[in-house]
Amino acid sequence: MKYIALLAVVLVGCSTANNQYPTQHLVVDTHVSAMSRQEVINGIHDCQSNGMRAVMVTSKKNVSGHITDVISEITCAPRYFGN
């Protein structure tokens, strides 16, 4: 009985060892709008006034022929990690 269980584990382990990673694709959304400076300031202030920290989600945008980071969303997250 032990040998059958061991054989099953070995066969399952060998069959999953040859799997390839899934193909990943970059999704480009051309309709992402950047937040204004005042919206960013208000979002950060809202998070801080609630005792949380602001996490900024950025995206890349072509501005005058140069790729630059723009802030597209602000999310509040816990201030501290762990205990």
Protein backbone atom coordinates (compact mmCIF):
# COMPACT_ATOMS: atom_id res chain seq x y z
CA MET A 1 0.00 0.00 0.00
CA LYS A 2 2.89 2.37 0.76
CA TYR A 3 4.41 1.74 -2.66
CA ILE A 4 1.20 2.56 -4.50
CA ALA A 5 0.87 5.89 -2.69
CA LEU A 6 4.55 6.69 -3.36
CA LEU A 7 4.16 5.78 -7.02
CA ALA A 8 1.10 8.04 -7.31
CA VAL A 9 3.00 10.98 -5.78
CA VAL A 10 5.98 10.45 -8.10
CA LEU A 11 3.80 10.24 -11.21
CA VAL A 12 1.84 13.36 -10.31
CA GLY A 13 5.06 15.26 -9.56
CA CYS A 14 6.63 14.24 -12.86
CA SER A 15 3.56 15.08 -14.92
CA THR A 16 3.40 18.66 -13.59
CA ALA A 17 7.13 19.34 -13.98
CA ASN A 18 6.94 19.87 -17.76
CA ASN A 19 4.15 22.49 -17.82
CA GLN A 20 4.99 25.79 -19.45
CA TYR A 21 4.17 29.16 -17.93
CA PRO A 22 1.09 30.85 -19.37
CA THR A 23 1.65 33.49 -22.01
CA GLN A 24 1.31 37.05 -20.73
CA HIS A 25 0.11 39.99 -22.79
CA LEU A 26 0.37 43.72 -22.15
CA VAL A 27 -3.03 45.39 -22.18
CA VAL A 28 -2.94 49.00 -23.33
CA ASP A 29 -5.86 51.19 -22.33
CA THR A 30 -5.81 54.45 -24.25
CA HIS A 31 -8.67 55.94 -22.23
CA VAL A 32 -6.93 56.20 -18.85
CA SER A 33 -7.21 59.77 -17.64
CA ALA A 34 -4.70 61.40 -15.35
CA MET A 35 -5.80 62.97 -12.09
CA SER A 36 -5.32 66.70 -11.67
CA ARG A 37 -2.89 68.06 -9.09
CA GLN A 38 -5.73 69.16 -6.79
CA GLU A 39 -7.43 65.75 -7.01
CA VAL A 40 -4.17 64.07 -5.95
CA ILE A 41 -3.73 66.48 -3.02
CA ASN A 42 -7.34 65.91 -1.89
CA GLY A 43 -6.98 62.12 -2.17
CA ILE A 44 -3.79 62.08 -0.09
CA HIS A 45 -5.38 64.39 2.50
CA ASP A 46 -8.48 62.17 2.74
CA CYS A 47 -6.33 59.08 3.42
CA GLN A 48 -4.17 60.84 6.01
CA SER A 49 -7.15 62.35 7.83
CA ASN A 50 -8.57 58.81 8.25
CA GLY A 51 -5.30 57.50 9.69
CA MET A 52 -4.32 55.61 6.55
CA ARG A 53 -1.59 55.97 3.96
CA ALA A 54 -2.12 56.89 0.33
CA VAL A 55 -1.10 54.42 -2.38
CA MET A 56 -0.82 55.96 -5.83
CA VAL A 57 -1.54 53.88 -8.94
CA THR A 58 0.36 55.24 -11.91
CA SER A 59 0.19 54.64 -15.61
CA LYS A 60 2.39 55.66 -18.50
CA LYS A 61 1.31 58.34 -20.95
CA ASN A 62 2.90 59.86 -24.03
CA VAL A 63 3.20 63.61 -23.44
CA SER A 64 4.84 65.66 -26.20
CA GLY A 65 6.75 62.64 -27.48
CA HIS A 66 8.04 61.58 -24.05
CA ILE A 67 6.73 58.71 -21.93
CA THR A 68 5.90 59.92 -18.44
CA ASP A 69 4.18 58.53 -15.34
CA VAL A 70 0.79 59.97 -14.47
CA ILE A 71 -1.30 59.24 -11.39
CA SER A 72 -4.55 57.55 -12.37
CA GLU A 73 -5.90 56.48 -8.96
CA ILE A 74 -5.28 56.92 -5.23
CA THR A 75 -6.22 54.15 -2.82
CA CYS A 76 -6.06 54.22 0.98
CA ALA A 77 -4.20 51.38 2.69
CA PRO A 78 -3.38 50.53 6.32
CA ARG A 79 -0.59 52.66 7.73
CA TYR A 80 1.37 49.85 9.41
CA PHE A 81 2.00 46.22 8.55
CA GLY A 82 2.39 43.42 11.06
CA ASN A 83 1.69 43.62 14.77
